[in-house]
Amino acid sequence: MSNEDLPPGVRSVVLPPDPTEVLEKLRDLVSTGYQQHETAALHIRAMALIGRLKSLYRAANTATRIHKEETAAARQEMDQSHLNLQNLLYEKRHLEREIEKCRQFAYVLLYTRKSCLTHQQLNIPGSSPLFCRRIHAAGPSRSAHQRRPR
């Protein structure tokens, strides 16, 4: 698989060669065919093969570590995207509830002292005499509050 086929941000991991060839050579060293060879030469050859096997082991560990890091980064990105989606869905539900509350909210007229009598004369619901008296009583304090500098 080439790097062009991979998703953005993901690099291909080069896997180390298969260690079976090195293991087969080590098995051959202990077979009966090598019994007549010099022990020091066998020892040197075995140590060279073991060194090669260690090198393959380190390469495999490095490839595994790189792959784990890339997987963790991709998982982190996916988790972040999922969290953002959950936040958006929560906000959407919240706004839908607020819209529904606004739709269910009874139509409220903003009364002024002058319009209160007009609404009573038109027989508009919610314009009781008691309510109009409260509007008239609150008028001077509301006016003073509105004139106060902010």
N, C-alpha and C. Protein backbone atom coordinates (compact mmCIF):
# COMPACT_ATOMS: atom_id res chain seq x y z
N MET A 1 0.85 -1.17 0.00
CA MET A 1 0.00 0.00 0.00
C MET A 1 0.89 1.23 0.00
N SER A 2 0.66 2.12 -0.92
CA SER A 2 1.48 3.33 -0.99
C SER A 2 0.89 4.43 -0.12
N ASN A 3 1.69 5.47 0.12
CA ASN A 3 1.22 6.58 0.97
C ASN A 3 0.06 7.33 0.34
N GLU A 4 -0.11 7.27 -1.01
CA GLU A 4 -1.22 7.97 -1.65
C GLU A 4 -2.55 7.30 -1.33
N ASP A 5 -2.55 5.99 -1.04
CA ASP A 5 -3.78 5.25 -0.74
C ASP A 5 -4.25 5.43 0.69
N LEU A 6 -3.40 5.95 1.55
CA LEU A 6 -3.72 6.09 2.97
C LEU A 6 -4.49 7.37 3.23
N PRO A 7 -5.29 7.39 4.30
CA PRO A 7 -5.98 8.64 4.68
C PRO A 7 -4.96 9.70 5.07
N PRO A 8 -5.36 10.99 5.02
CA PRO A 8 -4.42 12.06 5.38
C PRO A 8 -3.96 11.91 6.82
N GLY A 9 -2.70 12.19 7.05
CA GLY A 9 -2.14 12.14 8.41
C GLY A 9 -1.65 10.76 8.82
N VAL A 10 -1.87 9.75 7.97
CA VAL A 10 -1.43 8.40 8.30
C VAL A 10 -0.29 8.04 7.37
N ARG A 11 0.82 7.59 7.95
CA ARG A 11 1.95 7.18 7.13
C ARG A 11 2.05 5.66 7.18
N SER A 12 2.57 5.10 6.14
CA SER A 12 2.67 3.64 6.11
C SER A 12 3.80 3.18 7.01
N VAL A 13 3.58 2.07 7.66
CA VAL A 13 4.58 1.50 8.55
C VAL A 13 5.31 0.41 7.78
N VAL A 14 6.63 0.52 7.71
CA VAL A 14 7.44 -0.49 7.03
C VAL A 14 7.69 -1.61 8.03
N LEU A 15 7.19 -2.78 7.69
CA LEU A 15 7.37 -3.92 8.58
C LEU A 15 8.74 -4.54 8.35
N PRO A 16 9.36 -5.05 9.42
CA PRO A 16 10.67 -5.69 9.27
C PRO A 16 10.52 -7.01 8.52
N PRO A 17 11.62 -7.52 7.98
CA PRO A 17 11.54 -8.81 7.27
C PRO A 17 11.15 -9.94 8.23
N ASP A 18 10.68 -11.01 7.64
CA ASP A 18 10.24 -12.16 8.41
C ASP A 18 11.46 -12.85 9.07
N PRO A 19 11.41 -13.12 10.37
CA PRO A 19 12.57 -13.71 11.06
C PRO A 19 12.70 -15.22 10.86
N THR A 20 11.79 -15.84 10.12
CA THR A 20 11.87 -17.30 10.00
C THR A 20 13.16 -17.76 9.32
N GLU A 21 13.68 -16.98 8.38
CA GLU A 21 14.93 -17.36 7.71
C GLU A 21 16.09 -17.42 8.72
N VAL A 22 16.15 -16.41 9.60
CA VAL A 22 17.22 -16.37 10.61
C VAL A 22 17.05 -17.54 11.59
N LEU A 23 15.80 -17.83 11.98
CA LEU A 23 15.55 -18.94 12.91
C LEU A 23 15.93 -20.28 12.28
N GLU A 24 15.66 -20.44 10.98
CA GLU A 24 16.03 -21.68 10.30
C GLU A 24 17.54 -21.87 10.28
N LYS A 25 18.26 -20.78 10.05
CA LYS A 25 19.74 -20.86 10.05
C LYS A 25 20.26 -21.23 11.43
N LEU A 26 19.62 -20.69 12.49
CA LEU A 26 20.03 -21.06 13.86
C LEU A 26 19.75 -22.54 14.12
N ARG A 27 18.62 -23.05 13.66
CA ARG A 27 18.29 -24.47 13.83
C ARG A 27 19.30 -25.35 13.09
N ASP A 28 19.71 -24.87 11.91
CA ASP A 28 20.70 -25.64 11.15
C ASP A 28 22.03 -25.77 11.89
N LEU A 29 22.40 -24.72 12.65
CA LEU A 29 23.67 -24.75 13.38
C LEU A 29 23.71 -25.86 14.43
N VAL A 30 22.60 -26.22 14.99
CA VAL A 30 22.57 -27.26 16.02
C VAL A 30 22.29 -28.64 15.43
N SER A 31 22.09 -28.71 14.14
CA SER A 31 21.81 -30.01 13.51
C SER A 31 23.11 -30.84 13.41
N THR A 32 22.97 -32.08 13.05
CA THR A 32 24.11 -33.00 12.97
C THR A 32 25.06 -32.64 11.84
N GLY A 33 24.64 -31.88 10.85
CA GLY A 33 25.49 -31.50 9.72
C GLY A 33 26.63 -30.59 10.11
N TYR A 34 26.51 -29.88 11.20
CA TYR A 34 27.55 -28.92 11.62
C TYR A 34 28.41 -29.45 12.77
N GLN A 35 28.28 -30.72 13.14
CA GLN A 35 29.02 -31.24 14.28
C GLN A 35 30.52 -31.31 14.01
N GLN A 36 30.94 -31.48 12.79
CA GLN A 36 32.36 -31.57 12.52
C GLN A 36 33.01 -30.21 12.34
N HIS A 37 32.25 -29.11 12.35
CA HIS A 37 32.84 -27.77 12.21
C HIS A 37 33.45 -27.33 13.54
N GLU A 38 34.32 -26.37 13.43
CA GLU A 38 35.00 -25.86 14.62
C GLU A 38 34.01 -25.12 15.51
N THR A 39 34.12 -25.34 16.81
CA THR A 39 33.19 -24.77 17.78
C THR A 39 33.25 -23.25 17.79
N ALA A 40 34.40 -22.66 17.69
CA ALA A 40 34.54 -21.20 17.70
C ALA A 40 33.85 -20.59 16.49
N ALA A 41 33.98 -21.23 15.34
CA ALA A 41 33.33 -20.72 14.13
C ALA A 41 31.81 -20.80 14.26
N LEU A 42 31.33 -21.92 14.84
CA LEU A 42 29.89 -22.07 15.07
C LEU A 42 29.39 -21.00 16.05
N HIS A 43 30.20 -20.75 17.06
CA HIS A 43 29.83 -19.75 18.07
C HIS A 43 29.74 -18.36 17.43
N ILE A 44 30.72 -18.02 16.60
CA ILE A 44 30.71 -16.71 15.93
C ILE A 44 29.50 -16.59 15.01
N ARG A 45 29.23 -17.65 14.23
CA ARG A 45 28.08 -17.64 13.32
C ARG A 45 26.77 -17.53 14.11
N ALA A 46 26.65 -18.26 15.21
CA ALA A 46 25.44 -18.21 16.02
C ALA A 46 25.23 -16.83 16.62
N MET A 47 26.31 -16.20 17.09
CA MET A 47 26.18 -14.86 17.68
C MET A 47 25.78 -13.84 16.61
N ALA A 48 26.28 -14.01 15.38
CA ALA A 48 25.89 -13.11 14.29
C ALA A 48 24.39 -13.27 13.98
N LEU A 49 23.92 -14.52 13.95
CA LEU A 49 22.49 -14.76 13.69
C LEU A 49 21.62 -14.24 14.83
N ILE A 50 22.09 -14.39 16.07
CA ILE A 50 21.34 -13.87 17.22
C ILE A 50 21.31 -12.35 17.17
N GLY A 51 22.42 -11.72 16.78
CA GLY A 51 22.43 -10.26 16.62
C GLY A 51 21.43 -9.81 15.57
N ARG A 52 21.37 -10.57 14.45
CA ARG A 52 20.40 -10.25 13.40
C ARG A 52 18.97 -10.42 13.92
N LEU A 53 18.73 -11.45 14.72
CA LEU A 53 17.41 -11.69 15.29
C LEU A 53 17.02 -10.56 16.25
N LYS A 54 17.99 -10.08 17.04
CA LYS A 54 17.72 -8.94 17.94
C LYS A 54 17.38 -7.69 17.14
N SER A 55 18.10 -7.48 16.05
CA SER A 55 17.84 -6.33 15.19
C SER A 55 16.42 -6.39 14.63
N LEU A 56 15.99 -7.57 14.19
CA LEU A 56 14.62 -7.74 13.69
C LEU A 56 13.59 -7.49 14.81
N TYR A 57 13.91 -7.94 16.01
CA TYR A 57 13.02 -7.74 17.15
C TYR A 57 12.86 -6.24 17.44
N ARG A 58 13.99 -5.50 17.44
CA ARG A 58 13.91 -4.05 17.67
C ARG A 58 13.11 -3.35 16.57
N ALA A 59 13.32 -3.76 15.32
CA ALA A 59 12.58 -3.17 14.20
C ALA A 59 11.08 -3.45 14.34
N ALA A 60 10.75 -4.66 14.76
CA ALA A 60 9.33 -5.00 14.95
C ALA A 60 8.73 -4.17 16.08
N ASN A 61 9.48 -3.98 17.16
CA ASN A 61 8.98 -3.16 18.27
C ASN A 61 8.78 -1.70 17.84
N THR A 62 9.73 -1.19 17.05
CA THR A 62 9.61 0.19 16.56
C THR A 62 8.39 0.34 15.67
N ALA A 63 8.19 -0.61 14.75
CA ALA A 63 7.02 -0.56 13.87
C ALA A 63 5.73 -0.64 14.67
N THR A 64 5.71 -1.47 15.69
CA THR A 64 4.52 -1.60 16.54
C THR A 64 4.25 -0.30 17.30
N ARG A 65 5.30 0.30 17.84
CA ARG A 65 5.14 1.56 18.58
C ARG A 65 4.60 2.67 17.68
N ILE A 66 5.16 2.77 16.47
CA ILE A 66 4.70 3.80 15.52
C ILE A 66 3.23 3.56 15.18
N HIS A 67 2.89 2.31 14.93
CA HIS A 67 1.50 1.99 14.60
C HIS A 67 0.56 2.31 15.77
N LYS A 68 0.98 2.00 16.99
CA LYS A 68 0.15 2.32 18.17
C LYS A 68 -0.04 3.82 18.33
N GLU A 69 1.03 4.60 18.09
CA GLU A 69 0.92 6.06 18.20
C GLU A 69 -0.05 6.62 17.17
N GLU A 70 0.04 6.10 15.94
CA GLU A 70 -0.88 6.57 14.90
C GLU A 70 -2.32 6.17 15.22
N THR A 71 -2.49 4.98 15.75
CA THR A 71 -3.83 4.52 16.12
C THR A 71 -4.38 5.37 17.26
N ALA A 72 -3.55 5.68 18.24
CA ALA A 72 -4.00 6.52 19.36
C ALA A 72 -4.37 7.92 18.88
N ALA A 73 -3.59 8.48 17.96
CA ALA A 73 -3.90 9.81 17.42
C ALA A 73 -5.22 9.78 16.64
N ALA A 74 -5.42 8.74 15.85
CA ALA A 74 -6.67 8.62 15.11
C ALA A 74 -7.85 8.43 16.06
N ARG A 75 -7.66 7.65 17.11
CA ARG A 75 -8.73 7.44 18.10
C ARG A 75 -9.05 8.75 18.82
N GLN A 76 -8.01 9.51 19.16
CA GLN A 76 -8.21 10.80 19.83
C GLN A 76 -9.01 11.75 18.93
N GLU A 77 -8.65 11.77 17.65
CA GLU A 77 -9.36 12.63 16.70
C GLU A 77 -10.82 12.20 16.57
N MET A 78 -11.05 10.89 16.51
CA MET A 78 -12.41 10.38 16.40
C MET A 78 -13.21 10.71 17.66
N ASP A 79 -12.60 10.53 18.84
CA ASP A 79 -13.28 10.86 20.09
C ASP A 79 -13.63 12.34 20.15
N GLN A 80 -12.72 13.20 19.69
CA GLN A 80 -12.97 14.65 19.70
C GLN A 80 -14.13 14.98 18.76
N SER A 81 -14.15 14.35 17.59
CA SER A 81 -15.25 14.59 16.64
C SER A 81 -16.57 14.12 17.24
N HIS A 82 -16.55 12.98 17.91
CA HIS A 82 -17.76 12.45 18.52
C HIS A 82 -18.24 13.37 19.64
N LEU A 83 -17.31 13.88 20.43
CA LEU A 83 -17.67 14.80 21.50
C LEU A 83 -18.27 16.09 20.93
N ASN A 84 -17.68 16.60 19.85
CA ASN A 84 -18.23 17.80 19.21
C ASN A 84 -19.64 17.54 18.70
N LEU A 85 -19.86 16.35 18.13
CA LEU A 85 -21.19 15.98 17.64
C LEU A 85 -22.19 15.91 18.80
N GLN A 86 -21.78 15.32 19.91
CA GLN A 86 -22.66 15.25 21.08
C GLN A 86 -23.00 16.64 21.59
N ASN A 87 -22.01 17.53 21.62
CA ASN A 87 -22.27 18.90 22.07
C ASN A 87 -23.25 19.61 21.15
N LEU A 88 -23.10 19.42 19.85
CA LEU A 88 -24.02 20.05 18.91
C LEU A 88 -25.43 19.49 19.05
N LEU A 89 -25.55 18.18 19.25
CA LEU A 89 -26.87 17.59 19.43
C LEU A 89 -27.52 18.09 20.72
N TYR A 90 -26.72 18.21 21.79
CA TYR A 90 -27.25 18.73 23.05
C TYR A 90 -27.73 20.16 22.86
N GLU A 91 -26.92 20.98 22.18
CA GLU A 91 -27.30 22.37 21.95
C GLU A 91 -28.56 22.45 21.08
N LYS A 92 -28.66 21.58 20.09
CA LYS A 92 -29.85 21.55 19.22
C LYS A 92 -31.09 21.21 20.04
N ARG A 93 -31.00 20.17 20.90
CA ARG A 93 -32.15 19.81 21.74
C ARG A 93 -32.52 20.95 22.67
N HIS A 94 -31.51 21.61 23.23
CA HIS A 94 -31.77 22.73 24.13
C HIS A 94 -32.51 23.85 23.39
N LEU A 95 -32.03 24.18 22.19
CA LEU A 95 -32.67 25.25 21.43
C LEU A 95 -34.08 24.85 21.00
N GLU A 96 -34.28 23.58 20.65
CA GLU A 96 -35.63 23.12 20.29
C GLU A 96 -36.57 23.24 21.48
N ARG A 97 -36.08 22.92 22.69
CA ARG A 97 -36.93 23.07 23.89
C ARG A 97 -37.25 24.54 24.13
N GLU A 98 -36.25 25.41 23.94
CA GLU A 98 -36.49 26.84 24.13
C GLU A 98 -37.50 27.37 23.11
N ILE A 99 -37.40 26.91 21.87
CA ILE A 99 -38.37 27.33 20.85
C ILE A 99 -39.76 26.85 21.23
N GLU A 100 -39.85 25.62 21.71
CA GLU A 100 -41.16 25.09 22.11
C GLU A 100 -41.73 25.87 23.29
N LYS A 101 -40.89 26.24 24.25
CA LYS A 101 -41.35 27.06 25.37
C LYS A 101 -41.88 28.38 24.88
N CYS A 102 -41.16 28.97 23.92
CA CYS A 102 -41.61 30.26 23.39
C CYS A 102 -42.93 30.12 22.66
N ARG A 103 -43.12 29.01 21.95
CA ARG A 103 -44.38 28.80 21.24
C ARG A 103 -45.53 28.58 22.21
N GLN A 104 -45.26 27.94 23.34
CA GLN A 104 -46.32 27.67 24.31
C GLN A 104 -46.60 28.86 25.21
N PHE A 105 -45.68 29.81 25.23
CA PHE A 105 -45.84 30.97 26.10
C PHE A 105 -47.02 31.79 25.62
N ALA A 106 -47.92 32.12 26.54
CA ALA A 106 -49.11 32.89 26.19
C ALA A 106 -48.69 34.27 25.68
N TYR A 107 -49.44 34.77 24.75
CA TYR A 107 -49.16 36.08 24.17
C TYR A 107 -49.35 37.12 25.26
N VAL A 108 -48.31 37.86 25.55
CA VAL A 108 -48.36 38.85 26.62
C VAL A 108 -48.20 40.22 25.98
N LEU A 109 -49.14 41.06 26.28
CA LEU A 109 -49.07 42.43 25.79
C LEU A 109 -48.31 43.28 26.78
N LEU A 110 -47.48 44.13 26.28
CA LEU A 110 -46.77 45.05 27.14
C LEU A 110 -47.66 46.28 27.32
N TYR A 111 -48.11 46.44 28.52
CA TYR A 111 -49.05 47.51 28.81
C TYR A 111 -48.32 48.79 29.20
N THR A 112 -48.86 49.85 28.81
CA THR A 112 -48.44 51.15 29.31
C THR A 112 -49.64 51.76 30.01
N ARG A 113 -49.45 52.83 30.67
CA ARG A 113 -50.55 53.44 31.41
C ARG A 113 -51.64 53.90 30.44
N LYS A 114 -51.26 54.39 29.27
CA LYS A 114 -52.25 54.88 28.32
C LYS A 114 -53.02 53.74 27.67
N SER A 115 -52.31 52.63 27.36
CA SER A 115 -52.98 51.55 26.63
C SER A 115 -53.85 50.69 27.52
N CYS A 116 -53.71 50.74 28.81
CA CYS A 116 -54.47 49.88 29.71
C CYS A 116 -55.97 50.14 29.56
N LEU A 117 -56.38 51.39 29.54
CA LEU A 117 -57.79 51.70 29.39
C LEU A 117 -58.29 51.27 28.01
N THR A 118 -57.48 51.43 27.00
CA THR A 118 -57.87 51.02 25.66
C THR A 118 -58.11 49.53 25.61
N HIS A 119 -57.26 48.76 26.25
CA HIS A 119 -57.42 47.31 26.26
C HIS A 119 -58.65 46.91 27.06
N GLN A 120 -58.96 47.61 28.12
CA GLN A 120 -60.17 47.32 28.88
C GLN A 120 -61.39 47.61 28.03
N GLN A 121 -61.36 48.71 27.30
CA GLN A 121 -62.50 49.06 26.46
C GLN A 121 -62.69 48.05 25.34
N LEU A 122 -61.60 47.50 24.82
CA LEU A 122 -61.70 46.51 23.75
C LEU A 122 -62.00 45.13 24.31
N ASN A 123 -62.03 44.98 25.62
CA ASN A 123 -62.31 43.72 26.30
C ASN A 123 -61.27 42.65 25.95
N ILE A 124 -60.00 43.03 26.01
CA ILE A 124 -58.90 42.11 25.73
C ILE A 124 -58.63 41.30 26.99
N PRO A 125 -58.53 39.96 26.84
CA PRO A 125 -58.26 39.13 28.04
C PRO A 125 -56.93 39.53 28.69
N GLY A 126 -56.92 39.48 30.00
CA GLY A 126 -55.70 39.80 30.74
C GLY A 126 -55.64 41.25 31.16
N SER A 127 -56.60 42.06 30.78
CA SER A 127 -56.56 43.48 31.16
C SER A 127 -57.61 43.73 32.24
N SER A 128 -57.43 43.08 33.38
CA SER A 128 -58.39 43.25 34.48
C SER A 128 -58.18 44.62 35.12
N PRO A 129 -59.21 45.11 35.81
CA PRO A 129 -59.08 46.41 36.48
C PRO A 129 -57.93 46.42 37.51
N LEU A 130 -57.78 45.32 38.23
CA LEU A 130 -56.71 45.25 39.23
C LEU A 130 -55.34 45.39 38.55
N PHE A 131 -55.18 44.71 37.41
CA PHE A 131 -53.92 44.78 36.67
C PHE A 131 -53.67 46.21 36.20
N CYS A 132 -54.70 46.87 35.71
CA CYS A 132 -54.54 48.25 35.24
C CYS A 132 -54.17 49.18 36.40
N ARG A 133 -54.75 48.97 37.59
CA ARG A 133 -54.40 49.79 38.75
C ARG A 133 -52.93 49.59 39.12
N ARG A 134 -52.47 48.35 39.02
CA ARG A 134 -51.06 48.08 39.31
C ARG A 134 -50.16 48.79 38.30
N ILE A 135 -50.54 48.78 37.05
CA ILE A 135 -49.76 49.46 36.00
C ILE A 135 -49.69 50.95 36.31
N HIS A 136 -50.84 51.53 36.67
CA HIS A 136 -50.87 52.97 36.96
C HIS A 136 -50.04 53.30 38.20
N ALA A 137 -50.07 52.43 39.22
CA ALA A 137 -49.33 52.68 40.45
C ALA A 137 -47.82 52.55 40.20
N ALA A 138 -47.43 51.64 39.34
CA ALA A 138 -46.01 51.43 39.08
C ALA A 138 -45.45 52.44 38.09
N GLY A 139 -46.29 53.18 37.43
CA GLY A 139 -45.85 54.12 36.39
C GLY A 139 -44.80 55.11 36.84
N PRO A 140 -45.02 55.88 37.93
CA PRO A 140 -44.02 56.88 38.33
C PRO A 140 -42.66 56.26 38.70
N SER A 141 -42.67 55.14 39.41
CA SER A 141 -41.38 54.55 39.79
C SER A 141 -40.68 53.97 38.56
N ARG A 142 -41.43 53.43 37.61
CA ARG A 142 -40.83 52.91 36.38
C ARG A 142 -40.24 54.05 35.57
N SER A 143 -40.92 55.16 35.49
CA SER A 143 -40.41 56.31 34.75
C SER A 143 -39.13 56.83 35.38
N ALA A 144 -39.10 56.90 36.72
CA ALA A 144 -37.90 57.37 37.41
C ALA A 144 -36.73 56.41 37.17
N HIS A 145 -37.03 55.13 37.17
CA HIS A 145 -35.99 54.14 36.94
C HIS A 145 -35.44 54.26 35.52
N GLN A 146 -36.30 54.49 34.55
CA GLN A 146 -35.86 54.60 33.15
C GLN A 146 -35.07 55.88 32.90
N ARG A 147 -35.33 56.94 33.66
CA ARG A 147 -34.60 58.20 33.47
C ARG A 147 -33.24 58.19 34.15
N ARG A 148 -33.02 57.27 35.09
CA ARG A 148 -31.76 57.21 35.83
C ARG A 148 -30.63 56.87 34.87
N PRO A 149 -29.49 57.59 34.95
CA PRO A 149 -28.36 57.30 34.05
C PRO A 149 -27.75 55.93 34.37
N ARG A 150 -27.28 55.30 33.31
CA ARG A 150 -26.72 53.94 33.48
C ARG A 150 -25.24 53.93 33.43
